[in-house]
């Protein structure tokens, strides 16, 4: 079971949008409207800064460095796991599910955030983008990251499923022949997950657990049928 991070497991509590806004202002660049800042959560930061905030390419490293400094100083501690997520992960792990994180956040930073929030030990592996964010933006984003997670756990189960809050999660899962369960508490616009092809969209951690348990039951049925 693969999980996105920000907007799925952890509520950034404004630390991402507020941090981007502060970094842009500190660099003397225009700050997008709130709706556009919300759209910047999910895709690679390099891509969002160029395509949504209109940051010139030669200024992107400066903005990212300023943002990351502030995020490490305060943003990670400001974030919180969404209600019920810690309990959901603990139950799935106790039942023997293989759990991994697949996020476009730089992999070292994703590990730091999970440790700060006390979630790191609930996962078998963590997969993110390269620490070189300019190089990572040139890759196929979520498709590549999900593919890396699947290779890491090849043979551990018959099937895998992705859980995420943006269309990038759904599309990256589809590119790897996986279903994706969408969560409505993240950053997707109304109808975004359904339009992208999410197999289900859930509103609470309890609904997500029910969908994942249904998925595990189907996997066991498939495995039994091959015996």
C-alpha atoms as a PDB file:
ATOM      1  CA  UNK A   1       0.000   0.000   0.000  1.00  0.00           C
ATOM      2  CA  UNK A   2       1.585   3.233  -1.208  1.00  0.00           C
ATOM      3  CA  UNK A   3       0.744   6.588   0.369  1.00  0.00           C
ATOM      4  CA  UNK A   4       1.330  10.138  -0.751  1.00  0.00           C
ATOM      5  CA  UNK A   5       2.602  12.366   2.073  1.00  0.00           C
ATOM      6  CA  UNK A   6       1.459  16.016   2.182  1.00  0.00           C
ATOM      7  CA  UNK A   7      -2.313  16.255   1.856  1.00  0.00           C
ATOM      8  CA  UNK A   8      -2.756  12.509   2.402  1.00  0.00           C
ATOM      9  CA  UNK A   9      -0.923  11.443   5.559  1.00  0.00           C
ATOM     10  CA  UNK A  10       0.105  14.833   6.915  1.00  0.00           C
ATOM     11  CA  UNK A  11      -1.733  18.156   7.001  1.00  0.00           C
ATOM     12  CA  UNK A  12       0.877  20.829   6.263  1.00  0.00           C
ATOM     13  CA  UNK A  13      -1.320  23.285   8.203  1.00  0.00           C
ATOM     14  CA  UNK A  14      -0.385  26.123   5.876  1.00  0.00           C
ATOM     15  CA  UNK A  15       3.349  25.484   6.164  1.00  0.00           C
ATOM     16  CA  UNK A  16       3.719  24.749   2.442  1.00  0.00           C
ATOM     17  CA  UNK A  17       1.573  27.511   0.981  1.00  0.00           C
ATOM     18  CA  UNK A  18       2.656  29.971   3.652  1.00  0.00           C
ATOM     19  CA  UNK A  19       6.275  28.952   3.225  1.00  0.00           C
ATOM     20  CA  UNK A  20       6.169  29.372  -0.547  1.00  0.00           C
ATOM     21  CA  UNK A  21       4.501  32.760  -0.147  1.00  0.00           C
ATOM     22  CA  UNK A  22       7.153  33.885   2.346  1.00  0.00           C
ATOM     23  CA  UNK A  23       9.998  32.608   0.167  1.00  0.00           C
ATOM     24  CA  UNK A  24       8.706  34.409  -2.913  1.00  0.00           C
ATOM     25  CA  UNK A  25       8.264  37.635  -0.973  1.00  0.00           C
ATOM     26  CA  UNK A  26      11.737  37.324   0.546  1.00  0.00           C
ATOM     27  CA  UNK A  27      13.187  36.953  -2.947  1.00  0.00           C
ATOM     28  CA  UNK A  28      11.290  40.000  -4.179  1.00  0.00           C
ATOM     29  CA  UNK A  29       8.997  37.984  -6.459  1.00  0.00           C
ATOM     30  CA  UNK A  30       5.195  38.226  -6.893  1.00  0.00           C
ATOM     31  CA  UNK A  31       3.093  36.036  -4.614  1.00  0.00           C
ATOM     32  CA  UNK A  32       0.229  34.159  -6.356  1.00  0.00           C
ATOM     33  CA  UNK A  33      -3.347  34.247  -5.135  1.00  0.00           C
ATOM     34  CA  UNK A  34      -4.351  31.761  -2.441  1.00  0.00           C
ATOM     35  CA  UNK A  35      -6.090  29.466  -4.931  1.00  0.00           C
ATOM     36  CA  UNK A  36      -2.908  29.219  -6.999  1.00  0.00           C
ATOM     37  CA  UNK A  37      -0.810  28.578  -3.904  1.00  0.00           C
ATOM     38  CA  UNK A  38      -3.127  25.651  -3.091  1.00  0.00           C
ATOM     39  CA  UNK A  39      -2.527  24.250  -6.583  1.00  0.00           C
ATOM     40  CA  UNK A  40       1.201  24.244  -5.897  1.00  0.00           C
ATOM     41  CA  UNK A  41       0.857  21.469  -3.295  1.00  0.00           C
ATOM     42  CA  UNK A  42       1.340  18.101  -4.977  1.00  0.00           C
ATOM     43  CA  UNK A  43       3.460  18.645  -8.100  1.00  0.00           C
ATOM     44  CA  UNK A  44       7.240  18.960  -7.921  1.00  0.00           C
ATOM     45  CA  UNK A  45       8.085  22.335  -6.379  1.00  0.00           C
ATOM     46  CA  UNK A  46      10.315  23.293  -9.304  1.00  0.00           C
ATOM     47  CA  UNK A  47       7.409  22.738 -11.699  1.00  0.00           C
ATOM     48  CA  UNK A  48       4.923  24.643  -9.540  1.00  0.00           C
ATOM     49  CA  UNK A  49       7.241  27.611  -9.112  1.00  0.00           C
ATOM     50  CA  UNK A  50       7.772  27.944 -12.854  1.00  0.00           C
ATOM     51  CA  UNK A  51       4.319  27.014 -14.167  1.00  0.00           C
ATOM     52  CA  UNK A  52       2.046  28.483 -11.491  1.00  0.00           C
ATOM     53  CA  UNK A  53       4.050  31.202  -9.725  1.00  0.00           C
ATOM     54  CA  UNK A  54       5.857  32.289 -12.901  1.00  0.00           C
ATOM     55  CA  UNK A  55       9.302  32.256 -11.292  1.00  0.00           C
ATOM     56  CA  UNK A  56      12.091  32.731 -13.864  1.00  0.00           C
ATOM     57  CA  UNK A  57      14.145  29.562 -14.213  1.00  0.00           C
ATOM     58  CA  UNK A  58      17.356  31.224 -13.028  1.00  0.00           C
ATOM     59  CA  UNK A  59      15.629  32.308  -9.779  1.00  0.00           C
ATOM     60  CA  UNK A  60      14.119  28.909  -8.927  1.00  0.00           C
ATOM     61  CA  UNK A  61      17.109  27.564  -6.918  1.00  0.00           C
ATOM     62  CA  UNK A  62      17.139  30.734  -4.770  1.00  0.00           C
ATOM     63  CA  UNK A  63      13.428  30.451  -4.001  1.00  0.00           C
ATOM     64  CA  UNK A  64      13.678  26.738  -3.202  1.00  0.00           C
ATOM     65  CA  UNK A  65      16.634  27.258  -0.866  1.00  0.00           C
ATOM     66  CA  UNK A  66      14.762  30.025   0.973  1.00  0.00           C
ATOM     67  CA  UNK A  67      11.612  27.898   1.216  1.00  0.00           C
ATOM     68  CA  UNK A  68      13.426  24.771   2.424  1.00  0.00           C
ATOM     69  CA  UNK A  69      15.255  26.729   5.124  1.00  0.00           C
ATOM     70  CA  UNK A  70      11.987  28.007   6.548  1.00  0.00           C
ATOM     71  CA  UNK A  71      10.270  24.619   6.195  1.00  0.00           C
ATOM     72  CA  UNK A  72      12.982  22.828   8.156  1.00  0.00           C
ATOM     73  CA  UNK A  73      13.029  25.551  10.809  1.00  0.00           C
ATOM     74  CA  UNK A  74       9.276  25.585  11.498  1.00  0.00           C
ATOM     75  CA  UNK A  75       7.113  23.980   8.818  1.00  0.00           C
ATOM     76  CA  UNK A  76       7.717  20.325   9.662  1.00  0.00           C
ATOM     77  CA  UNK A  77       6.829  20.842  13.319  1.00  0.00           C
ATOM     78  CA  UNK A  78       3.761  22.870  12.328  1.00  0.00           C
ATOM     79  CA  UNK A  79       2.394  19.963  10.250  1.00  0.00           C
ATOM     80  CA  UNK A  80       0.153  17.301  11.793  1.00  0.00           C
ATOM     81  CA  UNK A  81      -1.050  13.816  10.771  1.00  0.00           C
ATOM     82  CA  UNK A  82      -4.674  13.910   9.619  1.00  0.00           C
ATOM     83  CA  UNK A  83      -7.236  12.552  12.112  1.00  0.00           C
ATOM     84  CA  UNK A  84      -7.189   8.764  12.317  1.00  0.00           C
ATOM     85  CA  UNK A  85      -4.149   8.290  10.069  1.00  0.00           C
ATOM     86  CA  UNK A  86      -1.765   7.109  12.780  1.00  0.00           C
ATOM     87  CA  UNK A  87      -4.300   4.525  13.969  1.00  0.00           C
ATOM     88  CA  UNK A  88      -5.026   3.396  10.401  1.00  0.00           C
ATOM     89  CA  UNK A  89      -1.336   2.834   9.655  1.00  0.00           C
ATOM     90  CA  UNK A  90      -0.793   1.009  12.927  1.00  0.00           C
ATOM     91  CA  UNK A  91      -3.686  -1.348  12.254  1.00  0.00           C
ATOM     92  CA  UNK A  92      -2.600  -2.108   8.690  1.00  0.00           C
ATOM     93  CA  UNK A  93       0.964  -2.764   9.785  1.00  0.00           C
ATOM     94  CA  UNK A  94      -0.189  -5.029  12.636  1.00  0.00           C
ATOM     95  CA  UNK A  95      -2.189  -7.009  10.068  1.00  0.00           C
ATOM     96  CA  UNK A  96       0.928  -7.548   7.959  1.00  0.00           C
ATOM     97  CA  UNK A  97       0.387  -5.045   5.159  1.00  0.00           C
ATOM     98  CA  UNK A  98       3.479  -3.712   3.379  1.00  0.00           C
ATOM     99  CA  UNK A  99       3.374   0.091   3.647  1.00  0.00           C
ATOM    100  CA  UNK A 100       5.437   2.619   1.696  1.00  0.00           C
ATOM    101  CA  UNK A 101       5.448   6.365   1.087  1.00  0.00           C
ATOM    102  CA  UNK A 102       5.593   7.661  -2.505  1.00  0.00           C
ATOM    103  CA  UNK A 103       5.886  11.452  -2.572  1.00  0.00           C
ATOM    104  CA  UNK A 104       7.292  14.143  -4.839  1.00  0.00           C
ATOM    105  CA  UNK A 105       8.854  15.766  -1.786  1.00  0.00           C
ATOM    106  CA  UNK A 106      12.659  15.218  -1.823  1.00  0.00           C
ATOM    107  CA  UNK A 107      13.269  11.818  -0.256  1.00  0.00           C
ATOM    108  CA  UNK A 108      15.577  13.003   2.579  1.00  0.00           C
ATOM    109  CA  UNK A 109      13.059  15.715   3.526  1.00  0.00           C
ATOM    110  CA  UNK A 110      10.185  13.210   3.447  1.00  0.00           C
ATOM    111  CA  UNK A 111      12.069  11.006   5.900  1.00  0.00           C
ATOM    112  CA  UNK A 112      12.703  13.981   8.178  1.00  0.00           C
ATOM    113  CA  UNK A 113       9.015  14.951   8.171  1.00  0.00           C
ATOM    114  CA  UNK A 114       7.890  11.415   8.954  1.00  0.00           C
ATOM    115  CA  UNK A 115      10.337  11.220  11.857  1.00  0.00           C
ATOM    116  CA  UNK A 116       9.201  14.586  13.253  1.00  0.00           C
ATOM    117  CA  UNK A 117       5.586  13.402  13.085  1.00  0.00           C
ATOM    118  CA  UNK A 118       6.361   9.993  14.632  1.00  0.00           C
ATOM    119  CA  UNK A 119       5.256   8.066  11.530  1.00  0.00           C
ATOM    120  CA  UNK A 120       8.573   6.895  10.084  1.00  0.00           C
ATOM    121  CA  UNK A 121       8.661   3.489  11.807  1.00  0.00           C
ATOM    122  CA  UNK A 122       5.198   2.614  10.491  1.00  0.00           C
ATOM    123  CA  UNK A 123       6.553   2.336   6.924  1.00  0.00           C
ATOM    124  CA  UNK A 124       8.660  -0.330   5.264  1.00  0.00           C
ATOM    125  CA  UNK A 125      10.204   2.215   2.898  1.00  0.00           C
ATOM    126  CA  UNK A 126      10.055   5.878   1.856  1.00  0.00           C
ATOM    127  CA  UNK A 127      10.370   6.987  -1.770  1.00  0.00           C
ATOM    128  CA  UNK A 128      10.618  10.559  -2.990  1.00  0.00           C
ATOM    129  CA  UNK A 129      12.290  12.736  -5.547  1.00  0.00           C
ATOM    130  CA  UNK A 130      16.005  13.428  -5.757  1.00  0.00           C
ATOM    131  CA  UNK A 131      17.531  15.996  -3.419  1.00  0.00           C
ATOM    132  CA  UNK A 132      18.574  17.729  -6.653  1.00  0.00           C
ATOM    133  CA  UNK A 133      15.155  19.196  -7.320  1.00  0.00           C
ATOM    134  CA  UNK A 134      16.046  20.696 -10.693  1.00  0.00           C
ATOM    135  CA  UNK A 135      17.128  17.262 -11.961  1.00  0.00           C
ATOM    136  CA  UNK A 136      14.124  15.544 -10.395  1.00  0.00           C
ATOM    137  CA  UNK A 137      11.689  17.875 -12.175  1.00  0.00           C
ATOM    138  CA  UNK A 138      12.940  16.569 -15.521  1.00  0.00           C
ATOM    139  CA  UNK A 139      11.756  13.047 -14.667  1.00  0.00           C
ATOM    140  CA  UNK A 140       8.244  11.609 -14.870  1.00  0.00           C
ATOM    141  CA  UNK A 141       7.462  12.647 -11.300  1.00  0.00           C
ATOM    142  CA  UNK A 142       5.019  10.379  -9.554  1.00  0.00           C
ATOM    143  CA  UNK A 143       5.287   7.638 -12.190  1.00  0.00           C
ATOM    144  CA  UNK A 144       9.004   7.230 -11.496  1.00  0.00           C
ATOM    145  CA  UNK A 145       8.630   7.396  -7.716  1.00  0.00           C
ATOM    146  CA  UNK A 146       5.804   4.848  -7.579  1.00  0.00           C
ATOM    147  CA  UNK A 147       7.793   2.592  -9.909  1.00  0.00           C
ATOM    148  CA  UNK A 148      10.760   2.730  -7.516  1.00  0.00           C
ATOM    149  CA  UNK A 149       8.525   1.722  -4.600  1.00  0.00           C
ATOM    150  CA  UNK A 150       7.115  -1.213  -6.560  1.00  0.00           C
ATOM    151  CA  UNK A 151      10.601  -2.441  -7.466  1.00  0.00           C
ATOM    152  CA  UNK A 152      11.686  -2.186  -3.841  1.00  0.00           C
ATOM    153  CA  UNK A 153       8.870  -4.485  -2.754  1.00  0.00           C
ATOM    154  CA  UNK A 154       8.648  -6.720  -5.831  1.00  0.00           C
ATOM    155  CA  UNK A 155       7.289 -10.136  -4.902  1.00  0.00           C
ATOM    156  CA  UNK A 156       5.969  -9.080  -1.492  1.00  0.00           C
ATOM    157  CA  UNK A 157       2.328  -9.140  -2.622  1.00  0.00           C
ATOM    158  CA  UNK A 158       0.143  -9.939  -5.604  1.00  0.00           C
ATOM    159  CA  UNK A 159      -1.117  -6.374  -6.046  1.00  0.00           C
ATOM    160  CA  UNK A 160      -0.465  -2.845  -4.870  1.00  0.00           C
ATOM    161  CA  UNK A 161      -2.640   0.242  -4.471  1.00  0.00           C
ATOM    162  CA  UNK A 162      -1.881   3.962  -4.234  1.00  0.00           C
ATOM    163  CA  UNK A 163      -3.536   6.435  -1.859  1.00  0.00           C
ATOM    164  CA  UNK A 164      -3.311  10.143  -2.664  1.00  0.00           C
ATOM    165  CA  UNK A 165      -5.010  13.526  -2.720  1.00  0.00           C
ATOM    166  CA  UNK A 166      -4.146  14.922  -6.196  1.00  0.00           C
ATOM    167  CA  UNK A 167      -4.583  13.864  -9.807  1.00  0.00           C
ATOM    168  CA  UNK A 168      -0.808  13.342 -10.010  1.00  0.00           C
ATOM    169  CA  UNK A 169      -1.217  10.415  -7.598  1.00  0.00           C
ATOM    170  CA  UNK A 170      -3.990   8.884  -9.703  1.00  0.00           C
ATOM    171  CA  UNK A 171      -2.091   9.383 -12.957  1.00  0.00           C
ATOM    172  CA  UNK A 172       1.201   8.078 -11.532  1.00  0.00           C
ATOM    173  CA  UNK A 173      -0.592   4.996 -10.232  1.00  0.00           C
ATOM    174  CA  UNK A 174      -2.268   4.392 -13.605  1.00  0.00           C
ATOM    175  CA  UNK A 175       1.099   4.687 -15.338  1.00  0.00           C
ATOM    176  CA  UNK A 176       2.205   1.768 -13.149  1.00  0.00           C
ATOM    177  CA  UNK A 177      -1.033  -0.216 -13.714  1.00  0.00           C
ATOM    178  CA  UNK A 178      -2.292   0.474 -10.174  1.00  0.00           C
ATOM    179  CA  UNK A 179      -5.610   1.642  -8.797  1.00  0.00           C
ATOM    180  CA  UNK A 180      -5.593   4.809  -6.702  1.00  0.00           C
ATOM    181  CA  UNK A 181      -7.880   5.615  -3.801  1.00  0.00           C
ATOM    182  CA  UNK A 182      -8.367   9.368  -3.506  1.00  0.00           C
ATOM    183  CA  UNK A 183      -8.758  11.201  -0.209  1.00  0.00           C
ATOM    184  CA  UNK A 184     -10.957  14.286  -0.148  1.00  0.00           C
ATOM    185  CA  UNK A 185      -9.242  16.004   2.797  1.00  0.00           C
ATOM    186  CA  UNK A 186      -6.185  17.077   0.796  1.00  0.00           C
ATOM    187  CA  UNK A 187      -5.600  19.688  -1.897  1.00  0.00           C
ATOM    188  CA  UNK A 188      -7.595  18.431  -4.886  1.00  0.00           C
ATOM    189  CA  UNK A 189     -10.199  20.725  -6.405  1.00  0.00           C
ATOM    190  CA  UNK A 190     -13.794  19.478  -6.411  1.00  0.00           C
ATOM    191  CA  UNK A 191     -14.118  16.615  -8.882  1.00  0.00           C
ATOM    192  CA  UNK A 192     -10.376  16.456  -9.634  1.00  0.00           C
ATOM    193  CA  UNK A 193      -9.826  12.945  -8.290  1.00  0.00           C
ATOM    194  CA  UNK A 194     -12.928  11.516  -9.931  1.00  0.00           C
ATOM    195  CA  UNK A 195     -12.027  13.084 -13.289  1.00  0.00           C
ATOM    196  CA  UNK A 196      -8.517  11.632 -13.068  1.00  0.00           C
ATOM    197  CA  UNK A 197      -9.953   8.133 -12.609  1.00  0.00           C
ATOM    198  CA  UNK A 198      -9.609   7.383  -8.892  1.00  0.00           C
ATOM    199  CA  UNK A 199     -11.103   3.989  -8.080  1.00  0.00           C
ATOM    200  CA  UNK A 200     -12.802   5.525  -5.025  1.00  0.00           C
ATOM    201  CA  UNK A 201     -12.771   8.827  -3.148  1.00  0.00           C
ATOM    202  CA  UNK A 202     -13.049   8.681   0.646  1.00  0.00           C
ATOM    203  CA  UNK A 203     -13.868  11.407   3.167  1.00  0.00           C
ATOM    204  CA  UNK A 204     -12.451  10.002   6.423  1.00  0.00           C
ATOM    205  CA  UNK A 205      -9.711   7.695   7.670  1.00  0.00           C
ATOM    206  CA  UNK A 206     -12.433   5.194   8.589  1.00  0.00           C
ATOM    207  CA  UNK A 207     -13.711   5.134   4.995  1.00  0.00           C
ATOM    208  CA  UNK A 208     -10.128   4.775   3.760  1.00  0.00           C
ATOM    209  CA  UNK A 209      -9.536   1.810   6.070  1.00  0.00           C
ATOM    210  CA  UNK A 210     -12.692   0.140   4.752  1.00  0.00           C
ATOM    211  CA  UNK A 211     -11.504   0.589   1.144  1.00  0.00           C
ATOM    212  CA  UNK A 212      -8.045  -0.743   1.953  1.00  0.00           C
ATOM    213  CA  UNK A 213      -9.478  -3.737   3.811  1.00  0.00           C
ATOM    214  CA  UNK A 214     -11.645  -4.435   0.772  1.00  0.00           C
ATOM    215  CA  UNK A 215      -8.524  -4.266  -1.389  1.00  0.00           C
ATOM    216  CA  UNK A 216      -6.670  -6.702   0.889  1.00  0.00           C
ATOM    217  CA  UNK A 217      -9.595  -9.130   0.802  1.00  0.00           C
ATOM    218  CA  UNK A 218      -9.567  -9.036  -3.011  1.00  0.00           C
ATOM    219  CA  UNK A 219      -5.797  -9.640  -3.007  1.00  0.00           C
ATOM    220  CA  UNK A 220      -6.193 -12.693  -0.785  1.00  0.00           C
ATOM    221  CA  UNK A 221      -8.916 -13.996  -3.110  1.00  0.00           C
ATOM    222  CA  UNK A 222      -6.679 -13.515  -6.147  1.00  0.00           C
ATOM    223  CA  UNK A 223      -3.758 -15.231  -4.422  1.00  0.00           C
ATOM    224  CA  UNK A 224      -5.973 -18.178  -3.438  1.00  0.00           C
ATOM    225  CA  UNK A 225      -7.189 -18.521  -7.007  1.00  0.00           C
ATOM    226  CA  UNK A 226      -3.642 -18.983  -8.265  1.00  0.00           C
ATOM    227  CA  UNK A 227      -2.893 -21.861  -5.893  1.00  0.00           C
END
